[in-house]
Amino acid sequence: MLTALVFAAALLLQHANAQPFSGLVTFGDSYTDARIPAADGGIAWPIYAASYANASLYPFAKSGATCSNNITYRPSPPVFESQLPAYFDLVENGTLSLDANETLYSLWIGTNDVGAKALLDGSSVGNLDQVTACMVNWIKVMYEAGVRNFLFQNVRELCLDSFIFLIQSRN
């Protein structure tokens, strides 16, 4: 599944709208954090996808992140309280200037929001609706900032299967 997702992202970078993307901006958690080795010992998907598509990578994702620490607290840099401000700081000070038509923006979040020490065990102050709304709000914030090309990823299938199993086992 992960291999297919990476390949799809690379194809999007290379062929969407018959115009190649020149940049990939990533937000999210460890699945997208380009600073850490991939769990399978391979290369992190954003690095591979950007390389395959001959695009520049602008990584903001951080391992352990949630969508918002106001919903699910983790001691890692969340998307809304850390990653987005870091991105917008670079845009506002002119360090980062990207063509909206030639850049793909990705969000992969969810595992830390709904897994252990989060929604599954009741440790989170939020609920699944709030986490989902937060993820959708990321699209709204980015769209209002001029972004038009999105790659939206969510919890890996295995985690979702575990989540469904846990709900069924509690009934």
C-alpha atoms as a PDB file:
ATOM      1  CA  MET A   1       0.000   0.000   0.000  1.00  0.00           C
ATOM      2  CA  LEU A   2       2.720   2.487   0.956  1.00  0.00           C
ATOM      3  CA  THR A   3       4.667   1.749  -2.224  1.00  0.00           C
ATOM      4  CA  ALA A   4       1.571   2.397  -4.333  1.00  0.00           C
ATOM      5  CA  LEU A   5       0.944   5.663  -2.497  1.00  0.00           C
ATOM      6  CA  VAL A   6       4.508   6.866  -3.078  1.00  0.00           C
ATOM      7  CA  PHE A   7       4.291   5.954  -6.746  1.00  0.00           C
ATOM      8  CA  ALA A   8       0.958   7.793  -7.049  1.00  0.00           C
ATOM      9  CA  ALA A   9       2.444  10.881  -5.393  1.00  0.00           C
ATOM     10  CA  ALA A  10       5.399  10.793  -7.765  1.00  0.00           C
ATOM     11  CA  LEU A  11       3.080  10.492 -10.754  1.00  0.00           C
ATOM     12  CA  LEU A  12       1.030  13.410  -9.475  1.00  0.00           C
ATOM     13  CA  LEU A  13       4.178  15.458  -9.155  1.00  0.00           C
ATOM     14  CA  GLN A  14       5.200  14.581 -12.658  1.00  0.00           C
ATOM     15  CA  HIS A  15       1.958  14.547 -14.645  1.00  0.00           C
ATOM     16  CA  ALA A  16      -0.956  16.360 -12.959  1.00  0.00           C
ATOM     17  CA  ASN A  17      -2.780  18.720 -15.289  1.00  0.00           C
ATOM     18  CA  ALA A  18      -0.231  17.854 -18.026  1.00  0.00           C
ATOM     19  CA  GLN A  19       2.143  20.197 -16.238  1.00  0.00           C
ATOM     20  CA  PRO A  20       4.922  18.885 -14.014  1.00  0.00           C
ATOM     21  CA  PHE A  21       5.212  20.136 -10.470  1.00  0.00           C
ATOM     22  CA  SER A  22       8.495  21.748  -9.556  1.00  0.00           C
ATOM     23  CA  GLY A  23       7.953  21.626  -5.800  1.00  0.00           C
ATOM     24  CA  LEU A  24       6.607  19.358  -3.080  1.00  0.00           C
ATOM     25  CA  VAL A  25       5.748  20.885   0.316  1.00  0.00           C
ATOM     26  CA  THR A  26       5.055  18.336   3.031  1.00  0.00           C
ATOM     27  CA  PHE A  27       3.297  18.538   6.381  1.00  0.00           C
ATOM     28  CA  GLY A  28       2.507  15.705   8.747  1.00  0.00           C
ATOM     29  CA  ASP A  29       4.029  13.097  11.029  1.00  0.00           C
ATOM     30  CA  SER A  30       6.759  10.436  10.864  1.00  0.00           C
ATOM     31  CA  TYR A  31       5.388   8.910   7.665  1.00  0.00           C
ATOM     32  CA  THR A  32       6.344  12.153   5.928  1.00  0.00           C
ATOM     33  CA  ASP A  33       9.261  13.410   8.055  1.00  0.00           C
ATOM     34  CA  ALA A  34      12.154  13.538   5.580  1.00  0.00           C
ATOM     35  CA  ARG A  35      14.713  14.038   8.376  1.00  0.00           C
ATOM     36  CA  ILE A  36      14.408  10.510   9.775  1.00  0.00           C
ATOM     37  CA  PRO A  37      15.095   7.146   8.122  1.00  0.00           C
ATOM     38  CA  ALA A  38      12.071   5.311   6.758  1.00  0.00           C
ATOM     39  CA  ALA A  39      10.803   2.577   9.074  1.00  0.00           C
ATOM     40  CA  ASP A  40      11.455  -0.109   6.461  1.00  0.00           C
ATOM     41  CA  GLY A  41      15.057   1.022   6.009  1.00  0.00           C
ATOM     42  CA  GLY A  42      14.309   2.562   2.629  1.00  0.00           C
ATOM     43  CA  ILE A  43      14.035   6.163   1.612  1.00  0.00           C
ATOM     44  CA  ALA A  44      11.316   8.467   2.994  1.00  0.00           C
ATOM     45  CA  TRP A  45       8.469   8.807   0.506  1.00  0.00           C
ATOM     46  CA  PRO A  46       8.781  12.612   0.061  1.00  0.00           C
ATOM     47  CA  ILE A  47      12.458  12.310  -0.830  1.00  0.00           C
ATOM     48  CA  TYR A  48      11.725   9.526  -3.304  1.00  0.00           C
ATOM     49  CA  ALA A  49       8.698  11.280  -4.851  1.00  0.00           C
ATOM     50  CA  ALA A  50      10.503  14.604  -5.245  1.00  0.00           C
ATOM     51  CA  SER A  51      13.548  12.889  -6.723  1.00  0.00           C
ATOM     52  CA  TYR A  52      11.452  10.779  -9.097  1.00  0.00           C
ATOM     53  CA  ALA A  53       9.597  13.863 -10.304  1.00  0.00           C
ATOM     54  CA  ASN A  54      12.703  16.063 -10.383  1.00  0.00           C
ATOM     55  CA  ALA A  55      10.978  18.476  -7.978  1.00  0.00           C
ATOM     56  CA  SER A  56      12.343  20.434  -5.024  1.00  0.00           C
ATOM     57  CA  LEU A  57      11.287  19.200  -1.595  1.00  0.00           C
ATOM     58  CA  TYR A  58      10.230  21.595   1.180  1.00  0.00           C
ATOM     59  CA  PRO A  59       9.716  19.369   4.243  1.00  0.00           C
ATOM     60  CA  PHE A  60       7.833  20.645   7.289  1.00  0.00           C
ATOM     61  CA  ALA A  61       6.555  17.295   8.638  1.00  0.00           C
ATOM     62  CA  LYS A  62       7.822  16.184  12.044  1.00  0.00           C
ATOM     63  CA  SER A  63       7.830  12.750  13.604  1.00  0.00           C
ATOM     64  CA  GLY A  64       5.214  12.337  16.337  1.00  0.00           C
ATOM     65  CA  ALA A  65       3.116  15.264  15.124  1.00  0.00           C
ATOM     66  CA  THR A  66      -0.638  15.579  15.450  1.00  0.00           C
ATOM     67  CA  CYS A  67      -2.896  17.898  13.527  1.00  0.00           C
ATOM     68  CA  SER A  68      -3.230  20.119  16.601  1.00  0.00           C
ATOM     69  CA  ASN A  69      -2.038  19.821  20.177  1.00  0.00           C
ATOM     70  CA  ASN A  70      -5.306  21.528  21.150  1.00  0.00           C
ATOM     71  CA  ILE A  71      -7.045  18.295  20.150  1.00  0.00           C
ATOM     72  CA  THR A  72      -4.436  15.604  20.802  1.00  0.00           C
ATOM     73  CA  TYR A  73      -1.399  16.629  22.815  1.00  0.00           C
ATOM     74  CA  ARG A  74       1.994  15.229  21.872  1.00  0.00           C
ATOM     75  CA  PRO A  75       5.391  16.713  22.710  1.00  0.00           C
ATOM     76  CA  SER A  76       6.116  16.916  18.967  1.00  0.00           C
ATOM     77  CA  PRO A  77       5.644  19.882  16.610  1.00  0.00           C
ATOM     78  CA  PRO A  78       1.986  19.679  15.466  1.00  0.00           C
ATOM     79  CA  VAL A  79       0.789  20.887  12.089  1.00  0.00           C
ATOM     80  CA  PHE A  80      -1.202  23.906  13.268  1.00  0.00           C
ATOM     81  CA  GLU A  81       0.919  25.134  16.151  1.00  0.00           C
ATOM     82  CA  SER A  82       4.351  24.510  14.605  1.00  0.00           C
ATOM     83  CA  GLN A  83       4.546  23.318  10.998  1.00  0.00           C
ATOM     84  CA  LEU A  84       2.170  25.867   9.454  1.00  0.00           C
ATOM     85  CA  PRO A  85       3.718  28.811  11.351  1.00  0.00           C
ATOM     86  CA  ALA A  86       7.193  27.684  10.199  1.00  0.00           C
ATOM     87  CA  TYR A  87       5.978  27.509   6.600  1.00  0.00           C
ATOM     88  CA  PHE A  88       4.211  30.878   6.711  1.00  0.00           C
ATOM     89  CA  ASP A  89       7.238  32.531   8.385  1.00  0.00           C
ATOM     90  CA  LEU A  90       9.401  31.487   5.437  1.00  0.00           C
ATOM     91  CA  VAL A  91       6.785  32.668   2.940  1.00  0.00           C
ATOM     92  CA  GLU A  92       6.316  36.024   4.689  1.00  0.00           C
ATOM     93  CA  ASN A  93      10.027  36.784   5.002  1.00  0.00           C
ATOM     94  CA  GLY A  94      10.609  35.880   1.344  1.00  0.00           C
ATOM     95  CA  THR A  95      12.823  32.852   2.013  1.00  0.00           C
ATOM     96  CA  LEU A  96      10.261  30.594   0.373  1.00  0.00           C
ATOM     97  CA  SER A  97       8.568  31.732  -2.822  1.00  0.00           C
ATOM     98  CA  LEU A  98       6.723  29.017  -4.699  1.00  0.00           C
ATOM     99  CA  ASP A  99       4.516  29.108  -7.770  1.00  0.00           C
ATOM    100  CA  ALA A 100       1.095  27.844  -6.624  1.00  0.00           C
ATOM    101  CA  ASN A 101       0.464  26.214 -10.009  1.00  0.00           C
ATOM    102  CA  GLU A 102       3.732  24.298  -9.945  1.00  0.00           C
ATOM    103  CA  THR A 103       3.743  23.108  -6.317  1.00  0.00           C
ATOM    104  CA  LEU A 104       2.009  20.149  -4.678  1.00  0.00           C
ATOM    105  CA  TYR A 105       1.181  20.431  -0.963  1.00  0.00           C
ATOM    106  CA  SER A 106       0.831  17.256   1.070  1.00  0.00           C
ATOM    107  CA  LEU A 107      -0.618  16.481   4.491  1.00  0.00           C
ATOM    108  CA  TRP A 108      -0.246  13.040   6.028  1.00  0.00           C
ATOM    109  CA  ILE A 109      -1.508  13.009   9.571  1.00  0.00           C
ATOM    110  CA  GLY A 110      -3.712  10.861  11.744  1.00  0.00           C
ATOM    111  CA  THR A 111      -1.765   8.024  13.335  1.00  0.00           C
ATOM    112  CA  ASN A 112      -0.720  10.074  16.370  1.00  0.00           C
ATOM    113  CA  ASP A 113      -4.167  11.676  16.553  1.00  0.00           C
ATOM    114  CA  VAL A 114      -6.109   8.432  16.861  1.00  0.00           C
ATOM    115  CA  GLY A 115      -3.596   5.821  18.055  1.00  0.00           C
ATOM    116  CA  ALA A 116      -2.266   4.925  21.487  1.00  0.00           C
ATOM    117  CA  LYS A 117      -2.179   7.817  23.962  1.00  0.00           C
ATOM    118  CA  ALA A 118      -4.831   9.536  21.844  1.00  0.00           C
ATOM    119  CA  LEU A 119      -8.419   8.811  20.794  1.00  0.00           C
ATOM    120  CA  LEU A 120      -8.152   5.017  21.007  1.00  0.00           C
ATOM    121  CA  ASP A 121      -7.443   4.953  24.722  1.00  0.00           C
ATOM    122  CA  GLY A 122      -9.311   8.117  25.700  1.00  0.00           C
ATOM    123  CA  SER A 123      -6.168  10.170  26.401  1.00  0.00           C
ATOM    124  CA  SER A 124      -7.105  12.822  23.862  1.00  0.00           C
ATOM    125  CA  VAL A 125      -9.224  15.861  24.721  1.00  0.00           C
ATOM    126  CA  GLY A 126     -10.715  15.712  21.232  1.00  0.00           C
ATOM    127  CA  ASN A 127     -12.715  13.265  19.188  1.00  0.00           C
ATOM    128  CA  LEU A 128     -12.532  11.864  15.670  1.00  0.00           C
ATOM    129  CA  ASP A 129     -14.807  14.610  14.313  1.00  0.00           C
ATOM    130  CA  GLN A 130     -12.437  17.285  15.680  1.00  0.00           C
ATOM    131  CA  VAL A 131      -9.384  15.572  14.228  1.00  0.00           C
ATOM    132  CA  THR A 132     -11.086  15.256  10.838  1.00  0.00           C
ATOM    133  CA  ALA A 133     -12.192  18.903  10.975  1.00  0.00           C
ATOM    134  CA  CYS A 134      -8.622  19.912  11.772  1.00  0.00           C
ATOM    135  CA  MET A 135      -7.335  18.071   8.721  1.00  0.00           C
ATOM    136  CA  VAL A 136      -9.961  19.677   6.504  1.00  0.00           C
ATOM    137  CA  ASN A 137      -9.127  23.048   8.066  1.00  0.00           C
ATOM    138  CA  TRP A 138      -5.529  22.586   6.864  1.00  0.00           C
ATOM    139  CA  ILE A 139      -6.882  22.546   3.303  1.00  0.00           C
ATOM    140  CA  LYS A 140      -8.940  25.683   3.993  1.00  0.00           C
ATOM    141  CA  VAL A 141      -5.965  27.567   5.478  1.00  0.00           C
ATOM    142  CA  MET A 142      -3.700  26.578   2.617  1.00  0.00           C
ATOM    143  CA  TYR A 143      -6.351  27.336  -0.017  1.00  0.00           C
ATOM    144  CA  GLU A 144      -6.871  30.812   1.454  1.00  0.00           C
ATOM    145  CA  ALA A 145      -3.090  31.286   1.179  1.00  0.00           C
ATOM    146  CA  GLY A 146      -3.251  30.565  -2.560  1.00  0.00           C
ATOM    147  CA  VAL A 147      -2.451  26.843  -2.612  1.00  0.00           C
ATOM    148  CA  ARG A 148      -4.362  24.889  -5.255  1.00  0.00           C
ATOM    149  CA  ASN A 149      -2.697  21.474  -5.527  1.00  0.00           C
ATOM    150  CA  PHE A 150      -3.275  19.063  -2.646  1.00  0.00           C
ATOM    151  CA  LEU A 151      -2.252  15.532  -1.777  1.00  0.00           C
ATOM    152  CA  PHE A 152      -4.260  14.563   1.301  1.00  0.00           C
ATOM    153  CA  GLN A 153      -3.248  11.383   3.094  1.00  0.00           C
ATOM    154  CA  ASN A 154      -4.684   9.850   6.217  1.00  0.00           C
ATOM    155  CA  VAL A 155      -4.162   7.012   8.643  1.00  0.00           C
ATOM    156  CA  ARG A 156      -2.512   3.923   7.224  1.00  0.00           C
ATOM    157  CA  GLU A 157      -4.895   1.045   6.582  1.00  0.00           C
ATOM    158  CA  LEU A 158      -3.405  -1.061   9.374  1.00  0.00           C
ATOM    159  CA  CYS A 159      -4.057   1.655  11.942  1.00  0.00           C
ATOM    160  CA  LEU A 160      -7.615   2.097  10.716  1.00  0.00           C
ATOM    161  CA  ASP A 161      -8.191  -1.667  10.908  1.00  0.00           C
ATOM    162  CA  SER A 162      -6.916  -1.573  14.502  1.00  0.00           C
ATOM    163  CA  PHE A 163      -9.215   1.343  15.255  1.00  0.00           C
ATOM    164  CA  ILE A 164     -12.244  -0.496  13.847  1.00  0.00           C
ATOM    165  CA  PHE A 165     -11.272  -3.663  15.755  1.00  0.00           C
ATOM    166  CA  LEU A 166     -11.007  -1.709  19.012  1.00  0.00           C
ATOM    167  CA  ILE A 167     -14.433  -0.135  18.525  1.00  0.00           C
ATOM    168  CA  GLN A 168     -15.959  -3.544  17.736  1.00  0.00           C
ATOM    169  CA  SER A 169     -14.274  -5.176  20.724  1.00  0.00           C
ATOM    170  CA  ARG A 170     -15.694  -2.533  23.086  1.00  0.00           C
ATOM    171  CA  ASN A 171     -19.287  -3.189  21.971  1.00  0.00           C
END
